[in-house]
Amino acid sequence: MIVYMDASAIVKRYVAEAGSEEVHTLIAQASVVGTAVISHAEVASVLAKAVRMRLLSREEAASALQVFKTEWESLIRLQLTEILISRAATQAWDHGLRGYDAVHLAAALFWQEMLGDPITLATYDRQLWEAAQTTGLSAWPEALH
């Protein structure tokens, strides 16, 4: 299984929260895991926000960020091009997505087209999850509550 992960799924690998065990299992089952390069900034942003909201201590978040940075090179990192961003703009408009969610959708679709193999898009964002299903991607998890 080839898995594309957005930041909402990636962060669950580094912070114990609802869905973390499932993400670990998904990654273990995947033959390849990839994401767009913007996930690097998004994950750092999510961890910084968790510190601001006092959900994590600064030390916990820094430790999680360091592990993420160490593992970053093991991910397939899809680069952003003007063509991909243009496709993301179309996806944002068509599905009412936020900007980065549209970029993730466009990147996963592009990757699927380039590989010619099905891609599973892992996300905990409901709008992105629903859009993935309507565009020919497999959305994970099977159900969002």
N, C-alpha and C. Protein backbone atom coordinates (compact mmCIF):
# COMPACT_ATOMS: atom_id res chain seq x y z
N MET A 1 0.85 -1.18 0.00
CA MET A 1 0.00 0.00 0.00
C MET A 1 0.89 1.24 0.00
N ILE A 2 0.56 2.19 -0.85
CA ILE A 2 1.27 3.46 -0.93
C ILE A 2 0.43 4.50 -0.19
N VAL A 3 1.04 5.15 0.77
CA VAL A 3 0.31 6.07 1.64
C VAL A 3 0.85 7.49 1.50
N TYR A 4 -0.07 8.41 1.25
CA TYR A 4 0.23 9.85 1.28
C TYR A 4 -0.35 10.36 2.60
N MET A 5 0.46 11.05 3.40
CA MET A 5 -0.01 11.57 4.69
C MET A 5 0.02 13.09 4.69
N ASP A 6 -1.08 13.69 5.16
CA ASP A 6 -1.05 15.12 5.40
C ASP A 6 -0.54 15.34 6.83
N ALA A 7 -0.37 16.58 7.21
CA ALA A 7 0.21 16.89 8.53
C ALA A 7 -0.66 16.40 9.68
N SER A 8 -1.99 16.39 9.51
CA SER A 8 -2.86 15.95 10.60
C SER A 8 -2.63 14.48 10.93
N ALA A 9 -2.23 13.70 9.94
CA ALA A 9 -1.91 12.29 10.17
C ALA A 9 -0.46 12.12 10.64
N ILE A 10 0.45 12.85 10.02
CA ILE A 10 1.87 12.73 10.38
C ILE A 10 2.10 13.04 11.85
N VAL A 11 1.49 14.09 12.35
CA VAL A 11 1.77 14.53 13.72
C VAL A 11 1.38 13.44 14.73
N LYS A 12 0.42 12.61 14.39
CA LYS A 12 0.00 11.54 15.30
C LYS A 12 1.09 10.48 15.47
N ARG A 13 2.05 10.45 14.58
CA ARG A 13 3.20 9.55 14.75
C ARG A 13 4.13 10.05 15.85
N TYR A 14 4.13 11.33 16.10
CA TYR A 14 5.11 11.93 17.01
C TYR A 14 4.52 12.42 18.32
N VAL A 15 3.19 12.50 18.39
CA VAL A 15 2.50 12.93 19.61
C VAL A 15 1.42 11.91 19.90
N ALA A 16 1.43 11.37 21.11
CA ALA A 16 0.42 10.38 21.50
C ALA A 16 -0.92 11.08 21.68
N GLU A 17 -1.86 10.73 20.81
CA GLU A 17 -3.21 11.28 20.87
C GLU A 17 -4.14 10.31 20.19
N ALA A 18 -5.42 10.61 20.18
CA ALA A 18 -6.38 9.74 19.52
C ALA A 18 -5.95 9.52 18.06
N GLY A 19 -5.88 8.27 17.66
CA GLY A 19 -5.48 7.93 16.30
C GLY A 19 -4.02 7.57 16.14
N SER A 20 -3.21 7.82 17.15
CA SER A 20 -1.77 7.56 17.03
C SER A 20 -1.46 6.09 16.77
N GLU A 21 -2.10 5.20 17.50
CA GLU A 21 -1.83 3.76 17.30
C GLU A 21 -2.19 3.34 15.88
N GLU A 22 -3.31 3.85 15.37
CA GLU A 22 -3.74 3.51 14.02
C GLU A 22 -2.74 4.03 12.98
N VAL A 23 -2.20 5.22 13.20
CA VAL A 23 -1.21 5.78 12.29
C VAL A 23 0.05 4.92 12.28
N HIS A 24 0.50 4.48 13.45
CA HIS A 24 1.67 3.61 13.53
C HIS A 24 1.44 2.32 12.75
N THR A 25 0.25 1.75 12.89
CA THR A 25 -0.09 0.53 12.16
C THR A 25 -0.11 0.78 10.66
N LEU A 26 -0.72 1.88 10.24
CA LEU A 26 -0.77 2.23 8.82
C LEU A 26 0.62 2.35 8.23
N ILE A 27 1.50 3.05 8.91
CA ILE A 27 2.87 3.24 8.42
C ILE A 27 3.59 1.90 8.33
N ALA A 28 3.38 1.04 9.31
CA ALA A 28 4.02 -0.28 9.30
C ALA A 28 3.53 -1.12 8.12
N GLN A 29 2.29 -0.94 7.72
CA GLN A 29 1.72 -1.71 6.61
C GLN A 29 2.06 -1.12 5.24
N ALA A 30 2.47 0.11 5.21
CA ALA A 30 2.73 0.79 3.93
C ALA A 30 4.05 0.33 3.31
N SER A 31 4.05 0.21 1.99
CA SER A 31 5.30 -0.07 1.29
C SER A 31 6.09 1.22 1.08
N VAL A 32 5.37 2.32 0.94
CA VAL A 32 5.97 3.64 0.74
C VAL A 32 5.08 4.67 1.43
N VAL A 33 5.71 5.67 2.06
CA VAL A 33 4.97 6.77 2.68
C VAL A 33 5.52 8.08 2.14
N GLY A 34 4.61 8.96 1.72
CA GLY A 34 5.03 10.24 1.18
C GLY A 34 4.16 11.37 1.65
N THR A 35 4.61 12.57 1.38
CA THR A 35 3.89 13.79 1.73
C THR A 35 4.45 14.93 0.90
N ALA A 36 3.77 16.04 0.90
CA ALA A 36 4.29 17.25 0.24
C ALA A 36 5.29 17.93 1.17
N VAL A 37 6.23 18.65 0.59
CA VAL A 37 7.26 19.30 1.40
C VAL A 37 6.69 20.31 2.40
N ILE A 38 5.49 20.82 2.16
CA ILE A 38 4.90 21.77 3.11
C ILE A 38 4.61 21.13 4.45
N SER A 39 4.54 19.80 4.50
CA SER A 39 4.28 19.12 5.77
C SER A 39 5.36 19.41 6.80
N HIS A 40 6.58 19.67 6.32
CA HIS A 40 7.66 19.99 7.25
C HIS A 40 7.29 21.21 8.10
N ALA A 41 6.84 22.26 7.44
CA ALA A 41 6.43 23.47 8.16
C ALA A 41 5.14 23.25 8.95
N GLU A 42 4.21 22.50 8.37
CA GLU A 42 2.93 22.27 9.04
C GLU A 42 3.10 21.51 10.35
N VAL A 43 3.92 20.47 10.35
CA VAL A 43 4.13 19.69 11.57
C VAL A 43 4.79 20.57 12.65
N ALA A 44 5.78 21.35 12.27
CA ALA A 44 6.41 22.26 13.23
C ALA A 44 5.38 23.24 13.79
N SER A 45 4.50 23.74 12.93
CA SER A 45 3.45 24.68 13.35
C SER A 45 2.47 24.03 14.33
N VAL A 46 2.07 22.80 14.03
CA VAL A 46 1.15 22.09 14.92
C VAL A 46 1.78 21.89 16.30
N LEU A 47 3.04 21.52 16.32
CA LEU A 47 3.72 21.32 17.60
C LEU A 47 3.88 22.63 18.37
N ALA A 48 4.19 23.70 17.67
CA ALA A 48 4.29 25.01 18.33
C ALA A 48 2.94 25.44 18.90
N LYS A 49 1.88 25.18 18.16
CA LYS A 49 0.54 25.51 18.64
C LYS A 49 0.19 24.69 19.88
N ALA A 50 0.60 23.43 19.90
CA ALA A 50 0.33 22.58 21.07
C ALA A 50 1.04 23.14 22.31
N VAL A 51 2.21 23.73 22.12
CA VAL A 51 2.91 24.38 23.25
C VAL A 51 2.14 25.62 23.69
N ARG A 52 1.72 26.45 22.72
CA ARG A 52 0.97 27.67 23.06
C ARG A 52 -0.31 27.35 23.81
N MET A 53 -0.96 26.26 23.42
CA MET A 53 -2.22 25.87 24.04
C MET A 53 -2.00 25.04 25.32
N ARG A 54 -0.74 24.83 25.66
CA ARG A 54 -0.35 24.07 26.85
C ARG A 54 -0.82 22.61 26.81
N LEU A 55 -0.89 22.06 25.60
CA LEU A 55 -1.19 20.65 25.43
C LEU A 55 0.07 19.81 25.54
N LEU A 56 1.20 20.43 25.19
CA LEU A 56 2.52 19.82 25.32
C LEU A 56 3.46 20.81 25.96
N SER A 57 4.42 20.30 26.70
CA SER A 57 5.47 21.19 27.21
C SER A 57 6.39 21.52 26.04
N ARG A 58 7.17 22.58 26.19
CA ARG A 58 8.10 22.95 25.13
C ARG A 58 9.09 21.81 24.88
N GLU A 59 9.52 21.15 25.95
CA GLU A 59 10.46 20.04 25.82
C GLU A 59 9.85 18.86 25.07
N GLU A 60 8.59 18.53 25.37
CA GLU A 60 7.91 17.43 24.68
C GLU A 60 7.78 17.73 23.18
N ALA A 61 7.37 18.94 22.89
CA ALA A 61 7.19 19.33 21.48
C ALA A 61 8.53 19.35 20.75
N ALA A 62 9.57 19.87 21.41
CA ALA A 62 10.90 19.92 20.79
C ALA A 62 11.42 18.51 20.52
N SER A 63 11.17 17.61 21.44
CA SER A 63 11.59 16.22 21.26
C SER A 63 10.85 15.58 20.09
N ALA A 64 9.54 15.80 20.01
CA ALA A 64 8.73 15.27 18.90
C ALA A 64 9.22 15.85 17.58
N LEU A 65 9.50 17.15 17.55
CA LEU A 65 9.98 17.79 16.33
C LEU A 65 11.33 17.22 15.91
N GLN A 66 12.20 16.96 16.86
CA GLN A 66 13.51 16.40 16.53
C GLN A 66 13.39 15.01 15.91
N VAL A 67 12.52 14.17 16.47
CA VAL A 67 12.31 12.84 15.91
C VAL A 67 11.74 12.96 14.49
N PHE A 68 10.77 13.85 14.32
CA PHE A 68 10.20 14.08 12.98
C PHE A 68 11.29 14.50 12.00
N LYS A 69 12.13 15.45 12.38
CA LYS A 69 13.20 15.91 11.49
C LYS A 69 14.16 14.78 11.13
N THR A 70 14.42 13.90 12.08
CA THR A 70 15.30 12.76 11.83
C THR A 70 14.68 11.82 10.82
N GLU A 71 13.37 11.60 10.89
CA GLU A 71 12.69 10.68 9.99
C GLU A 71 12.26 11.32 8.67
N TRP A 72 12.34 12.63 8.56
CA TRP A 72 11.89 13.36 7.37
C TRP A 72 12.50 12.80 6.09
N GLU A 73 13.79 12.49 6.12
CA GLU A 73 14.48 12.01 4.92
C GLU A 73 13.96 10.65 4.45
N SER A 74 13.32 9.90 5.33
CA SER A 74 12.82 8.57 4.94
C SER A 74 11.48 8.65 4.20
N LEU A 75 10.87 9.83 4.19
CA LEU A 75 9.61 10.02 3.47
C LEU A 75 9.87 10.40 2.02
N ILE A 76 8.96 9.99 1.14
CA ILE A 76 8.97 10.53 -0.22
C ILE A 76 8.42 11.95 -0.06
N ARG A 77 9.17 12.94 -0.50
CA ARG A 77 8.79 14.33 -0.34
C ARG A 77 8.43 14.91 -1.70
N LEU A 78 7.15 15.14 -1.91
CA LEU A 78 6.69 15.67 -3.19
C LEU A 78 6.93 17.18 -3.22
N GLN A 79 7.62 17.60 -4.28
CA GLN A 79 7.97 19.00 -4.43
C GLN A 79 6.79 19.79 -4.97
N LEU A 80 6.75 21.06 -4.64
CA LEU A 80 5.67 21.93 -5.12
C LEU A 80 6.17 22.69 -6.35
N THR A 81 5.37 22.65 -7.38
CA THR A 81 5.68 23.38 -8.60
C THR A 81 4.50 24.30 -8.89
N GLU A 82 4.70 25.20 -9.83
CA GLU A 82 3.60 26.10 -10.19
C GLU A 82 2.42 25.31 -10.75
N ILE A 83 2.70 24.26 -11.49
CA ILE A 83 1.62 23.43 -12.03
C ILE A 83 0.84 22.76 -10.91
N LEU A 84 1.56 22.22 -9.91
CA LEU A 84 0.88 21.58 -8.78
C LEU A 84 0.05 22.60 -8.00
N ILE A 85 0.58 23.78 -7.80
CA ILE A 85 -0.16 24.82 -7.07
C ILE A 85 -1.39 25.24 -7.85
N SER A 86 -1.28 25.29 -9.17
CA SER A 86 -2.45 25.60 -10.00
C SER A 86 -3.52 24.53 -9.85
N ARG A 87 -3.09 23.27 -9.83
CA ARG A 87 -4.04 22.17 -9.61
C ARG A 87 -4.66 22.28 -8.22
N ALA A 88 -3.86 22.68 -7.24
CA ALA A 88 -4.37 22.85 -5.87
C ALA A 88 -5.43 23.96 -5.83
N ALA A 89 -5.21 25.01 -6.58
CA ALA A 89 -6.20 26.10 -6.62
C ALA A 89 -7.53 25.58 -7.16
N THR A 90 -7.46 24.75 -8.17
CA THR A 90 -8.69 24.15 -8.71
C THR A 90 -9.37 23.27 -7.67
N GLN A 91 -8.57 22.47 -6.98
CA GLN A 91 -9.13 21.59 -5.93
C GLN A 91 -9.73 22.41 -4.79
N ALA A 92 -9.08 23.50 -4.43
CA ALA A 92 -9.61 24.37 -3.37
C ALA A 92 -10.98 24.90 -3.76
N TRP A 93 -11.08 25.36 -4.99
CA TRP A 93 -12.34 25.90 -5.48
C TRP A 93 -13.41 24.82 -5.59
N ASP A 94 -13.05 23.70 -6.20
CA ASP A 94 -14.03 22.63 -6.45
C ASP A 94 -14.55 21.99 -5.17
N HIS A 95 -13.71 21.91 -4.15
CA HIS A 95 -14.09 21.19 -2.93
C HIS A 95 -14.20 22.08 -1.69
N GLY A 96 -14.00 23.38 -1.86
CA GLY A 96 -14.09 24.29 -0.72
C GLY A 96 -13.03 24.03 0.33
N LEU A 97 -11.82 23.65 -0.11
CA LEU A 97 -10.75 23.30 0.81
C LEU A 97 -9.90 24.51 1.20
N ARG A 98 -9.30 24.43 2.39
CA ARG A 98 -8.27 25.41 2.77
C ARG A 98 -7.06 25.20 1.87
N GLY A 99 -6.20 26.19 1.80
CA GLY A 99 -5.08 26.17 0.87
C GLY A 99 -4.18 24.96 0.99
N TYR A 100 -3.65 24.70 2.18
CA TYR A 100 -2.73 23.58 2.33
C TYR A 100 -3.43 22.25 2.13
N ASP A 101 -4.70 22.14 2.51
CA ASP A 101 -5.43 20.90 2.26
C ASP A 101 -5.56 20.65 0.75
N ALA A 102 -5.80 21.71 0.00
CA ALA A 102 -5.88 21.59 -1.45
C ALA A 102 -4.54 21.18 -2.04
N VAL A 103 -3.45 21.69 -1.47
CA VAL A 103 -2.12 21.30 -1.93
C VAL A 103 -1.90 19.81 -1.67
N HIS A 104 -2.29 19.34 -0.49
CA HIS A 104 -2.13 17.92 -0.18
C HIS A 104 -2.95 17.06 -1.16
N LEU A 105 -4.17 17.47 -1.44
CA LEU A 105 -5.00 16.71 -2.36
C LEU A 105 -4.37 16.68 -3.76
N ALA A 106 -3.94 17.82 -4.23
CA ALA A 106 -3.32 17.90 -5.56
C ALA A 106 -2.04 17.06 -5.62
N ALA A 107 -1.24 17.10 -4.55
CA ALA A 107 0.00 16.33 -4.52
C ALA A 107 -0.28 14.83 -4.53
N ALA A 108 -1.26 14.40 -3.75
CA ALA A 108 -1.60 12.97 -3.71
C ALA A 108 -2.14 12.51 -5.06
N LEU A 109 -2.98 13.32 -5.69
CA LEU A 109 -3.50 12.98 -7.01
C LEU A 109 -2.38 12.92 -8.05
N PHE A 110 -1.48 13.88 -8.01
CA PHE A 110 -0.34 13.90 -8.92
C PHE A 110 0.51 12.64 -8.75
N TRP A 111 0.79 12.29 -7.50
CA TRP A 111 1.60 11.11 -7.20
C TRP A 111 0.93 9.85 -7.74
N GLN A 112 -0.37 9.75 -7.55
CA GLN A 112 -1.12 8.60 -8.05
C GLN A 112 -1.03 8.52 -9.58
N GLU A 113 -1.17 9.66 -10.24
CA GLU A 113 -1.06 9.69 -11.70
C GLU A 113 0.33 9.28 -12.17
N MET A 114 1.35 9.78 -11.48
CA MET A 114 2.73 9.49 -11.89
C MET A 114 3.09 8.02 -11.66
N LEU A 115 2.62 7.45 -10.56
CA LEU A 115 2.94 6.06 -10.26
C LEU A 115 2.06 5.08 -11.01
N GLY A 116 0.84 5.49 -11.31
CA GLY A 116 -0.11 4.57 -11.92
C GLY A 116 -0.62 3.52 -10.96
N ASP A 117 -0.42 3.76 -9.67
CA ASP A 117 -0.88 2.86 -8.62
C ASP A 117 -1.79 3.63 -7.68
N PRO A 118 -2.72 2.91 -7.01
CA PRO A 118 -3.61 3.61 -6.08
C PRO A 118 -2.85 4.18 -4.89
N ILE A 119 -3.30 5.35 -4.48
CA ILE A 119 -2.73 6.04 -3.31
C ILE A 119 -3.80 6.12 -2.23
N THR A 120 -3.39 5.85 -1.01
CA THR A 120 -4.26 6.04 0.14
C THR A 120 -3.86 7.36 0.79
N LEU A 121 -4.80 8.30 0.87
CA LEU A 121 -4.54 9.59 1.51
C LEU A 121 -4.97 9.50 2.96
N ALA A 122 -4.01 9.62 3.87
CA ALA A 122 -4.28 9.56 5.31
C ALA A 122 -4.43 10.99 5.83
N THR A 123 -5.59 11.26 6.39
CA THR A 123 -5.86 12.60 6.93
C THR A 123 -6.91 12.50 8.03
N TYR A 124 -6.85 13.43 8.95
CA TYR A 124 -7.88 13.55 9.98
C TYR A 124 -8.69 14.83 9.77
N ASP A 125 -8.54 15.44 8.62
CA ASP A 125 -9.31 16.63 8.25
C ASP A 125 -10.52 16.16 7.45
N ARG A 126 -11.71 16.40 7.96
CA ARG A 126 -12.93 15.87 7.33
C ARG A 126 -13.10 16.35 5.89
N GLN A 127 -12.91 17.64 5.64
CA GLN A 127 -13.11 18.15 4.27
C GLN A 127 -12.14 17.51 3.29
N LEU A 128 -10.89 17.39 3.68
CA LEU A 128 -9.90 16.76 2.82
C LEU A 128 -10.22 15.28 2.63
N TRP A 129 -10.62 14.62 3.69
CA TRP A 129 -11.00 13.21 3.65
C TRP A 129 -12.14 12.98 2.66
N GLU A 130 -13.15 13.84 2.74
CA GLU A 130 -14.30 13.72 1.83
C GLU A 130 -13.89 14.02 0.38
N ALA A 131 -13.07 15.04 0.18
CA ALA A 131 -12.62 15.40 -1.16
C ALA A 131 -11.79 14.27 -1.77
N ALA A 132 -10.96 13.62 -0.97
CA ALA A 132 -10.13 12.52 -1.47
C ALA A 132 -11.02 11.42 -2.05
N GLN A 133 -12.09 11.12 -1.38
CA GLN A 133 -12.99 10.06 -1.84
C GLN A 133 -13.65 10.41 -3.17
N THR A 134 -13.93 11.67 -3.39
CA THR A 134 -14.63 12.06 -4.62
C THR A 134 -13.69 12.22 -5.81
N THR A 135 -12.38 12.18 -5.55
CA THR A 135 -11.42 12.40 -6.64
C THR A 135 -10.67 11.14 -7.06
N GLY A 136 -11.04 10.00 -6.50
CA GLY A 136 -10.42 8.75 -6.91
C GLY A 136 -9.29 8.26 -6.03
N LEU A 137 -9.08 8.92 -4.91
CA LEU A 137 -8.11 8.43 -3.94
C LEU A 137 -8.83 7.58 -2.91
N SER A 138 -8.10 6.72 -2.27
CA SER A 138 -8.62 5.99 -1.13
C SER A 138 -8.37 6.84 0.10
N ALA A 139 -9.42 7.15 0.86
CA ALA A 139 -9.26 7.98 2.06
C ALA A 139 -9.11 7.10 3.29
N TRP A 140 -8.20 7.46 4.16
CA TRP A 140 -7.95 6.75 5.41
C TRP A 140 -7.97 7.76 6.54
N PRO A 141 -8.54 7.41 7.69
CA PRO A 141 -9.11 6.12 8.08
C PRO A 141 -10.43 5.83 7.36
N GLU A 142 -10.91 4.62 7.52
CA GLU A 142 -12.14 4.24 6.80
C GLU A 142 -13.31 5.12 7.17
N ALA A 143 -13.33 5.58 8.40
CA ALA A 143 -14.41 6.48 8.85
C ALA A 143 -13.83 7.53 9.79
N LEU A 144 -14.32 8.74 9.67
CA LEU A 144 -13.96 9.81 10.62
C LEU A 144 -15.15 10.07 11.50
N HIS A 145 -14.90 10.20 12.78
CA HIS A 145 -16.01 10.44 13.73
C HIS A 145 -16.14 11.90 14.06
